[in-house]
Protein backbone atom coordinates (compact mmCIF):
# COMPACT_ATOMS: atom_id res chain seq x y z
CA MET A 1 -0.09 -21.89 0.03
CA ARG A 2 2.39 -20.57 2.57
CA LYS A 3 2.54 -17.17 0.86
CA ASN A 4 -1.21 -16.78 1.31
CA THR A 5 -0.91 -17.34 5.05
CA PHE A 6 1.78 -14.67 5.34
CA VAL A 7 -0.39 -12.16 3.49
CA CYS A 8 -3.34 -12.92 5.76
CA GLN A 9 -1.21 -12.41 8.86
CA LEU A 10 0.04 -9.07 7.54
CA PHE A 11 -3.56 -8.05 6.90
CA PHE A 12 -4.66 -8.94 10.42
CA ILE A 13 -1.70 -7.14 12.01
CA GLY A 14 -2.28 -4.01 9.94
CA ASP A 15 -5.99 -4.12 10.60
CA SER A 16 -5.61 -4.44 14.35
CA GLU A 17 -2.99 -1.66 14.56
CA GLY A 18 -5.07 0.87 12.59
CA THR A 19 -2.52 1.20 9.81
CA ALA A 20 -5.03 2.51 7.28
CA ASP A 21 -6.10 5.35 9.58
CA TYR A 22 -2.47 6.28 10.19
CA VAL A 23 -1.57 6.31 6.48
CA ILE A 24 -4.65 8.39 5.66
CA SER A 25 -3.87 10.92 8.39
CA ILE A 26 -0.30 11.31 7.09
CA THR A 27 -1.12 11.63 3.38
CA GLU A 28 -4.48 13.42 3.31
CA SER A 29 -2.92 16.89 3.24
CA TRP A 30 -0.83 16.37 0.09
CA MET A 31 -2.04 13.23 -1.74
CA THR A 32 -4.29 14.06 -4.69
CA PRO A 33 -5.87 11.57 -7.11
CA THR A 34 -3.37 12.60 -9.80
CA ILE A 35 -0.38 11.98 -7.53
CA LEU A 36 -1.84 8.65 -6.44
CA MET A 37 -2.31 7.49 -10.05
CA THR A 38 1.19 8.63 -11.02
CA LEU A 39 2.79 7.00 -8.01
CA THR A 40 0.90 3.75 -8.64
CA PHE A 41 1.99 3.73 -12.29
CA VAL A 42 5.65 4.40 -11.47
CA VAL A 43 5.81 1.73 -8.76
CA SER A 44 4.04 -0.80 -11.00
CA ALA A 45 6.38 -0.06 -13.90
CA PHE A 46 9.39 -0.43 -11.63
CA ILE A 47 8.15 -3.80 -10.34
CA ALA A 48 7.34 -5.01 -13.88
CA PHE A 49 10.71 -3.97 -15.23
CA PHE A 50 12.98 -5.07 -12.37
CA GLY A 51 10.88 -7.81 -10.79
């Protein structure tokens, strides 16, 4: 139950600081759907293998 509270707090902090807008403004010039899918796959595989 405690983990859920931490995640909610991170969400509220990120939401109030405009984190999504910042990340979008940084990555919109070079991030394509193909790169996003590849990056998501690689990170997920890393977490599954080493986590």
